[in-house]
Every structure is written in structure tokens, then in C-alpha cells.
N, C-alpha and C. Protein backbone atom coordinates (compact mmCIF):
# COMPACT_ATOMS: atom_id res chain seq x y z
N MET A 1 47.56 87.06 164.69
CA MET A 1 48.86 87.04 165.31
C MET A 1 48.97 88.23 166.25
N ILE A 2 49.49 87.98 167.42
CA ILE A 2 49.61 89.01 168.45
C ILE A 2 51.06 89.48 168.50
N PHE A 3 51.26 90.80 168.46
CA PHE A 3 52.59 91.39 168.64
C PHE A 3 52.79 91.63 170.13
N GLU A 4 53.99 91.33 170.62
CA GLU A 4 54.27 91.50 172.04
C GLU A 4 55.57 92.28 172.24
N THR A 5 55.52 93.20 173.18
CA THR A 5 56.70 93.94 173.60
C THR A 5 56.58 94.12 175.11
N SER A 6 57.56 94.76 175.70
CA SER A 6 57.49 94.95 177.15
C SER A 6 58.08 96.31 177.53
N THR A 7 57.75 96.72 178.74
CA THR A 7 58.28 97.96 179.29
C THR A 7 58.32 97.84 180.80
N GLN A 8 59.15 98.64 181.40
CA GLN A 8 59.22 98.70 182.86
C GLN A 8 58.58 100.01 183.31
N VAL A 9 57.82 99.95 184.39
CA VAL A 9 57.24 101.17 184.95
C VAL A 9 58.37 101.93 185.63
N ARG A 10 58.59 103.14 185.14
CA ARG A 10 59.67 103.99 185.62
C ARG A 10 59.14 105.09 186.54
N PHE A 11 60.06 105.74 187.22
CA PHE A 11 59.70 106.82 188.13
C PHE A 11 58.88 107.90 187.43
N ALA A 12 59.23 108.20 186.18
CA ALA A 12 58.51 109.23 185.42
C ALA A 12 57.07 108.84 185.11
N HIS A 13 56.74 107.56 185.23
CA HIS A 13 55.39 107.09 184.92
C HIS A 13 54.42 107.19 186.10
N VAL A 14 54.94 107.33 187.32
CA VAL A 14 54.08 107.19 188.49
C VAL A 14 53.76 108.51 189.17
N ASP A 15 52.65 108.49 189.92
CA ASP A 15 52.24 109.65 190.71
C ASP A 15 52.80 109.50 192.13
N PRO A 16 52.50 110.44 193.03
CA PRO A 16 53.04 110.34 194.39
C PRO A 16 52.64 109.07 195.15
N ALA A 17 51.56 108.42 194.72
CA ALA A 17 51.16 107.17 195.37
C ALA A 17 51.97 105.98 194.86
N GLY A 18 52.81 106.21 193.83
CA GLY A 18 53.65 105.14 193.30
C GLY A 18 52.98 104.27 192.25
N ILE A 19 51.79 104.70 191.77
CA ILE A 19 51.12 103.94 190.71
C ILE A 19 51.13 104.76 189.42
N VAL A 20 50.99 104.06 188.29
CA VAL A 20 51.06 104.74 187.01
C VAL A 20 49.96 105.80 186.92
N PHE A 21 50.37 107.02 186.62
CA PHE A 21 49.45 108.12 186.36
C PHE A 21 48.86 107.87 184.97
N TYR A 22 47.55 107.82 184.85
CA TYR A 22 46.89 107.29 183.65
C TYR A 22 47.37 107.89 182.33
N PRO A 23 47.72 109.19 182.20
CA PRO A 23 48.19 109.65 180.89
C PRO A 23 49.50 108.98 180.45
N ARG A 24 50.28 108.50 181.42
CA ARG A 24 51.54 107.84 181.07
C ARG A 24 51.29 106.53 180.35
N TYR A 25 50.15 105.87 180.65
CA TYR A 25 49.80 104.66 179.90
C TYR A 25 49.66 104.98 178.41
N PHE A 26 49.09 106.14 178.10
CA PHE A 26 48.89 106.50 176.70
C PHE A 26 50.22 106.67 175.98
N GLU A 27 51.21 107.21 176.70
CA GLU A 27 52.55 107.30 176.13
C GLU A 27 53.14 105.91 175.90
N MET A 28 52.91 104.99 176.84
CA MET A 28 53.39 103.62 176.70
C MET A 28 52.69 102.91 175.54
N VAL A 29 51.38 103.16 175.40
CA VAL A 29 50.63 102.59 174.27
C VAL A 29 51.24 103.07 172.96
N ASN A 30 51.48 104.38 172.86
CA ASN A 30 52.05 104.91 171.63
C ASN A 30 53.41 104.30 171.34
N GLY A 31 54.23 104.11 172.37
CA GLY A 31 55.53 103.47 172.19
C GLY A 31 55.40 102.05 171.69
N ALA A 32 54.41 101.32 172.22
CA ALA A 32 54.18 99.94 171.77
C ALA A 32 53.70 99.91 170.32
N VAL A 33 52.82 100.85 169.95
CA VAL A 33 52.36 100.92 168.56
C VAL A 33 53.55 101.23 167.64
N GLU A 34 54.40 102.13 168.07
CA GLU A 34 55.60 102.45 167.29
C GLU A 34 56.48 101.20 167.12
N ASP A 35 56.65 100.41 168.19
CA ASP A 35 57.41 99.15 168.10
C ASP A 35 56.73 98.18 167.14
N TRP A 36 55.40 98.08 167.21
CA TRP A 36 54.66 97.17 166.32
C TRP A 36 54.91 97.53 164.86
N PHE A 37 54.80 98.81 164.54
CA PHE A 37 55.03 99.23 163.16
C PHE A 37 56.46 98.90 162.72
N ALA A 38 57.44 99.21 163.56
CA ALA A 38 58.84 99.00 163.17
C ALA A 38 59.21 97.52 163.13
N GLN A 39 58.85 96.78 164.16
CA GLN A 39 59.33 95.41 164.29
C GLN A 39 58.47 94.38 163.57
N SER A 40 57.18 94.63 163.46
CA SER A 40 56.28 93.63 162.90
C SER A 40 55.74 94.00 161.52
N LEU A 41 55.60 95.30 161.26
CA LEU A 41 55.04 95.74 159.98
C LEU A 41 56.10 96.27 159.02
N GLY A 42 57.33 96.40 159.49
CA GLY A 42 58.42 96.84 158.63
C GLY A 42 58.37 98.31 158.24
N ALA A 43 57.79 99.14 159.11
CA ALA A 43 57.65 100.57 158.81
C ALA A 43 57.93 101.37 160.07
N SER A 44 59.16 101.83 160.22
CA SER A 44 59.47 102.66 161.39
C SER A 44 58.75 104.00 161.26
N PHE A 45 58.51 104.63 162.39
CA PHE A 45 57.87 105.95 162.34
C PHE A 45 58.75 106.95 161.61
N LYS A 46 60.07 106.81 161.69
CA LYS A 46 60.95 107.70 160.94
C LYS A 46 60.70 107.53 159.44
N THR A 47 60.67 106.29 158.99
CA THR A 47 60.43 106.03 157.56
C THR A 47 59.08 106.57 157.14
N MET A 48 58.07 106.33 157.96
CA MET A 48 56.73 106.78 157.62
C MET A 48 56.62 108.31 157.65
N HIS A 49 56.97 108.90 158.78
CA HIS A 49 56.75 110.33 158.98
C HIS A 49 57.72 111.20 158.18
N ILE A 50 59.00 110.91 158.27
CA ILE A 50 60.02 111.77 157.66
C ILE A 50 60.18 111.45 156.18
N ASP A 51 60.36 110.18 155.87
CA ASP A 51 60.63 109.78 154.48
C ASP A 51 59.35 109.67 153.65
N GLY A 52 58.28 109.15 154.24
CA GLY A 52 57.07 108.86 153.48
C GLY A 52 55.99 109.92 153.51
N GLY A 53 56.04 110.81 154.50
CA GLY A 53 55.04 111.87 154.59
C GLY A 53 53.67 111.41 155.06
N TYR A 54 53.63 110.28 155.78
CA TYR A 54 52.35 109.83 156.33
C TYR A 54 52.55 109.36 157.76
N GLY A 55 51.47 109.40 158.53
CA GLY A 55 51.51 108.98 159.91
C GLY A 55 50.28 108.18 160.27
N THR A 56 50.18 107.81 161.54
CA THR A 56 49.07 106.97 162.00
C THR A 56 48.50 107.51 163.30
N PRO A 57 47.80 108.63 163.24
CA PRO A 57 47.23 109.17 164.48
C PRO A 57 46.14 108.25 165.04
N THR A 58 46.01 108.32 166.35
CA THR A 58 44.92 107.63 167.04
C THR A 58 43.69 108.51 166.94
N VAL A 59 42.60 107.95 166.41
CA VAL A 59 41.37 108.74 166.27
C VAL A 59 40.28 108.28 167.24
N LYS A 60 40.48 107.11 167.84
CA LYS A 60 39.55 106.64 168.86
C LYS A 60 40.33 105.81 169.86
N LEU A 61 40.01 106.02 171.14
CA LEU A 61 40.72 105.34 172.20
C LEU A 61 39.74 105.08 173.33
N GLU A 62 39.47 103.81 173.58
CA GLU A 62 38.58 103.41 174.67
C GLU A 62 39.37 102.50 175.60
N VAL A 63 39.51 102.93 176.84
CA VAL A 63 40.41 102.24 177.76
C VAL A 63 39.67 101.82 179.02
N THR A 64 39.97 100.61 179.47
CA THR A 64 39.52 100.14 180.77
C THR A 64 40.76 99.88 181.61
N PHE A 65 40.84 100.56 182.76
CA PHE A 65 41.94 100.37 183.69
C PHE A 65 41.53 99.27 184.66
N LEU A 66 42.25 98.15 184.64
CA LEU A 66 41.82 96.97 185.37
C LEU A 66 42.51 96.77 186.71
N SER A 67 43.77 97.14 186.78
CA SER A 67 44.54 96.93 188.00
C SER A 67 45.72 97.89 187.97
N PRO A 68 46.09 98.48 189.11
CA PRO A 68 47.18 99.46 189.09
C PRO A 68 48.53 98.81 188.80
N SER A 69 49.39 99.59 188.15
CA SER A 69 50.79 99.20 187.95
C SER A 69 51.63 100.11 188.82
N ARG A 70 52.69 99.54 189.37
CA ARG A 70 53.52 100.27 190.33
C ARG A 70 54.95 100.41 189.84
N LEU A 71 55.63 101.36 190.42
CA LEU A 71 57.03 101.61 190.11
C LEU A 71 57.81 100.30 190.15
N GLY A 72 58.56 100.03 189.07
CA GLY A 72 59.38 98.82 188.98
C GLY A 72 58.71 97.64 188.33
N ASP A 73 57.38 97.68 188.15
CA ASP A 73 56.69 96.56 187.50
C ASP A 73 57.17 96.38 186.07
N GLU A 74 57.32 95.12 185.66
CA GLU A 74 57.58 94.77 184.26
C GLU A 74 56.24 94.47 183.62
N LEU A 75 55.93 95.16 182.54
CA LEU A 75 54.65 94.99 181.87
C LEU A 75 54.85 94.41 180.48
N THR A 76 54.04 93.44 180.16
CA THR A 76 53.98 92.91 178.80
C THR A 76 52.85 93.62 178.09
N ILE A 77 53.10 94.06 176.87
CA ILE A 77 52.10 94.77 176.08
C ILE A 77 51.83 93.95 174.83
N ARG A 78 50.56 93.61 174.63
CA ARG A 78 50.17 92.82 173.46
C ARG A 78 49.27 93.65 172.56
N ILE A 79 49.59 93.66 171.27
CA ILE A 79 48.78 94.37 170.28
C ILE A 79 48.20 93.34 169.33
N THR A 80 46.87 93.38 169.20
CA THR A 80 46.17 92.46 168.31
C THR A 80 45.34 93.28 167.33
N PRO A 81 45.67 93.23 166.04
CA PRO A 81 44.83 93.92 165.05
C PRO A 81 43.52 93.15 164.88
N ARG A 82 42.40 93.89 164.89
CA ARG A 82 41.07 93.27 164.82
C ARG A 82 40.35 93.54 163.51
N VAL A 83 40.41 94.77 163.01
CA VAL A 83 39.69 95.14 161.78
C VAL A 83 40.60 96.04 160.96
N LEU A 84 40.68 95.76 159.67
CA LEU A 84 41.48 96.57 158.76
C LEU A 84 40.56 97.19 157.71
N GLY A 85 40.52 98.51 157.70
CA GLY A 85 39.76 99.23 156.69
C GLY A 85 40.67 99.77 155.61
N ARG A 86 40.12 100.53 154.70
CA ARG A 86 40.92 101.11 153.62
C ARG A 86 41.96 102.08 154.18
N THR A 87 41.55 102.90 155.17
CA THR A 87 42.45 103.90 155.75
C THR A 87 42.62 103.72 157.26
N SER A 88 41.89 102.81 157.87
CA SER A 88 41.93 102.67 159.33
C SER A 88 42.29 101.25 159.74
N CYS A 89 42.64 101.12 161.01
CA CYS A 89 42.92 99.82 161.60
C CYS A 89 42.48 99.86 163.05
N HIS A 90 41.66 98.89 163.45
CA HIS A 90 41.22 98.77 164.83
C HIS A 90 42.13 97.75 165.50
N ILE A 91 42.72 98.14 166.63
CA ILE A 91 43.59 97.23 167.36
C ILE A 91 43.13 97.13 168.81
N ASN A 92 43.51 96.03 169.44
CA ASN A 92 43.30 95.85 170.86
C ASN A 92 44.68 95.82 171.51
N VAL A 93 44.84 96.54 172.61
CA VAL A 93 46.11 96.58 173.34
C VAL A 93 45.83 96.17 174.78
N VAL A 94 46.61 95.20 175.26
CA VAL A 94 46.45 94.73 176.64
C VAL A 94 47.81 94.80 177.33
N PHE A 95 47.82 95.42 178.52
CA PHE A 95 48.99 95.45 179.38
C PHE A 95 48.79 94.39 180.45
N THR A 96 49.80 93.56 180.68
CA THR A 96 49.74 92.52 181.70
C THR A 96 51.01 92.58 182.54
N GLY A 97 50.86 92.31 183.81
CA GLY A 97 52.01 92.23 184.70
C GLY A 97 51.71 91.31 185.85
N GLU A 98 52.66 90.46 186.19
CA GLU A 98 52.50 89.51 187.29
C GLU A 98 51.21 88.73 187.21
N GLY A 99 50.86 88.30 185.99
CA GLY A 99 49.68 87.46 185.79
C GLY A 99 48.35 88.17 185.83
N ARG A 100 48.36 89.52 185.91
CA ARG A 100 47.11 90.27 185.96
C ARG A 100 47.06 91.26 184.80
N ASP A 101 45.89 91.34 184.17
CA ASP A 101 45.70 92.39 183.18
C ASP A 101 45.63 93.72 183.91
N ARG A 102 46.34 94.71 183.38
CA ARG A 102 46.38 96.03 184.00
C ARG A 102 45.53 97.03 183.23
N LEU A 103 45.53 96.90 181.89
CA LEU A 103 44.84 97.85 181.03
C LEU A 103 44.40 97.13 179.78
N ASN A 104 43.20 97.49 179.30
CA ASN A 104 42.69 96.96 178.03
C ASN A 104 42.21 98.15 177.22
N ALA A 105 42.74 98.29 176.00
CA ALA A 105 42.40 99.44 175.17
C ALA A 105 41.97 98.99 173.78
N ASP A 106 40.88 99.56 173.31
CA ASP A 106 40.45 99.40 171.92
C ASP A 106 40.75 100.72 171.22
N ILE A 107 41.52 100.62 170.15
CA ILE A 107 42.07 101.81 169.50
C ILE A 107 41.82 101.76 168.01
N VAL A 108 41.53 102.92 167.43
CA VAL A 108 41.44 103.04 165.98
C VAL A 108 42.56 103.98 165.53
N LEU A 109 43.39 103.47 164.64
CA LEU A 109 44.46 104.24 164.00
C LEU A 109 44.02 104.55 162.58
N VAL A 110 44.43 105.69 162.07
CA VAL A 110 44.13 106.05 160.69
C VAL A 110 45.43 106.40 159.98
N CYS A 111 45.58 105.92 158.77
CA CYS A 111 46.72 106.32 157.95
C CYS A 111 46.40 107.71 157.39
N MET A 112 47.30 108.67 157.65
CA MET A 112 47.02 110.05 157.29
C MET A 112 48.18 110.65 156.51
N ASP A 113 47.85 111.39 155.47
CA ASP A 113 48.83 112.18 154.73
C ASP A 113 49.21 113.37 155.60
N LEU A 114 50.49 113.52 155.89
CA LEU A 114 50.92 114.59 156.80
C LEU A 114 50.92 115.96 156.15
N ASN A 115 50.81 116.02 154.83
CA ASN A 115 50.78 117.32 154.15
C ASN A 115 49.40 117.94 154.17
N ASP A 116 48.38 117.15 153.84
CA ASP A 116 47.03 117.72 153.80
C ASP A 116 46.16 117.29 154.99
N HIS A 117 46.72 116.45 155.87
CA HIS A 117 46.03 115.99 157.08
C HIS A 117 44.70 115.31 156.77
N LYS A 118 44.70 114.52 155.70
CA LYS A 118 43.52 113.74 155.33
C LYS A 118 43.89 112.26 155.32
N ALA A 119 42.88 111.45 155.57
CA ALA A 119 43.09 110.01 155.54
C ALA A 119 43.53 109.58 154.15
N ARG A 120 44.40 108.57 154.12
CA ARG A 120 44.86 108.01 152.85
C ARG A 120 44.90 106.50 152.99
N PRO A 121 44.83 105.77 151.89
CA PRO A 121 44.91 104.31 151.99
C PRO A 121 46.25 103.86 152.57
N TRP A 122 46.22 102.74 153.28
CA TRP A 122 47.46 102.16 153.79
C TRP A 122 48.37 101.80 152.62
N PRO A 123 49.67 102.03 152.74
CA PRO A 123 50.58 101.51 151.72
C PRO A 123 50.42 99.99 151.63
N ASP A 124 50.54 99.46 150.43
CA ASP A 124 50.28 98.03 150.22
C ASP A 124 51.10 97.13 151.14
N PHE A 125 52.39 97.45 151.34
CA PHE A 125 53.23 96.56 152.15
C PHE A 125 52.79 96.54 153.61
N ILE A 126 52.25 97.64 154.11
CA ILE A 126 51.73 97.67 155.48
C ILE A 126 50.39 96.96 155.53
N ARG A 127 49.52 97.25 154.58
CA ARG A 127 48.20 96.61 154.52
C ARG A 127 48.34 95.09 154.52
N GLU A 128 49.25 94.57 153.73
CA GLU A 128 49.43 93.11 153.63
C GLU A 128 49.87 92.52 154.97
N LYS A 129 50.77 93.22 155.66
CA LYS A 129 51.25 92.68 156.94
C LYS A 129 50.20 92.78 158.03
N ILE A 130 49.43 93.86 158.06
CA ILE A 130 48.34 93.95 159.04
C ILE A 130 47.31 92.87 158.75
N ALA A 131 46.94 92.72 157.47
CA ALA A 131 45.94 91.72 157.09
C ALA A 131 46.36 90.31 157.51
N ALA A 132 47.65 90.01 157.42
CA ALA A 132 48.14 88.69 157.80
C ALA A 132 48.08 88.47 159.31
N GLN A 133 47.98 89.55 160.09
CA GLN A 133 47.98 89.45 161.55
C GLN A 133 46.58 89.55 162.16
N LEU A 134 45.58 89.82 161.35
CA LEU A 134 44.23 90.04 161.89
C LEU A 134 43.74 88.86 162.71
N VAL A 135 43.16 89.18 163.85
CA VAL A 135 42.54 88.20 164.73
C VAL A 135 41.11 88.65 164.93
N GLU A 136 40.17 87.77 164.69
CA GLU A 136 38.76 88.15 164.83
C GLU A 136 38.45 88.50 166.27
N ALA A 137 37.74 89.58 166.44
CA ALA A 137 37.34 90.01 167.78
C ALA A 137 36.36 88.99 168.36
N PRO A 138 36.46 88.72 169.66
CA PRO A 138 35.50 87.79 170.28
C PRO A 138 34.11 88.38 170.22
N SER A 139 33.13 87.51 170.01
CA SER A 139 31.74 88.00 169.93
C SER A 139 31.27 88.39 171.32
N GLN A 140 30.41 89.39 171.36
CA GLN A 140 29.86 89.87 172.62
C GLN A 140 28.48 89.23 172.80
N ALA A 141 28.37 88.28 173.71
CA ALA A 141 27.10 87.59 173.91
C ALA A 141 26.25 88.28 174.94
């Protein structure tokens, strides 16, 4: 199952040429991941970080920039969980706008105890929801 959200490219996202400055995409990715956790997995970052004492840092991020996004563009962001480990989750994130893929990212998130900064198993309720959404990665021929 693919989670979908959207964002608009704002003035704060672009460089003087009017295209998204690449670090701003990472902020948008993080916002989409936060939406995925809150809206699809039932775990807001407030509940996780403040109430639960755990977070989900990104430990690996591989990005391909496919086409520029410009000020005012509406972007659809799709998150597809691919692999679920005991403490990690591999996801694919794709930004699309006007029928063109703009960015493709393969990301590894880790469930981490915020007190000792060590990996910890996913809480059962999150693990179950991620597992229900897993989509097998396409084979590389």
C-alpha cells in the first residue's frame, strides 16, 4: 500500500534560479515521513518523541534528482515501505508533479530509543501497520 500526501513548492524552497534547492527536498521528505507516521501508522511524532521516548532517524538516504521543481509547483509525494526489519524500515519516496517524477529516494529509517540513542524494536502497533503496507521492491534485471 502506498501512502500519498502533497506539498506546494514555496518561496523558501527555491534558489535564485527559482528551482528547489536540493536540501529543501530533504525537509519535504521528512515532512512526508512525519505525515505517514501520523496519518497511516497512527503514531504522531509528538506521541513518539515526547510521550514515548523514541524516534525514527534516517540512517541511509540515496536520492536521484530526476527533474527540477519550480516555485508554485504542486508535488505529490508517495511513500512505499519495502522492507521491515526488527529495528529498521526501508522505504521508497517519489515526488511527482505535472506527470513527471521529480525525485526518487531510497531511505532507511531506524526506530531509536531517544534516551540511550540505540536502536530498539518497533512498537508492535507500528510494526503491524508497516507490515500490512509492505510492497515488494521491483527486481533489478
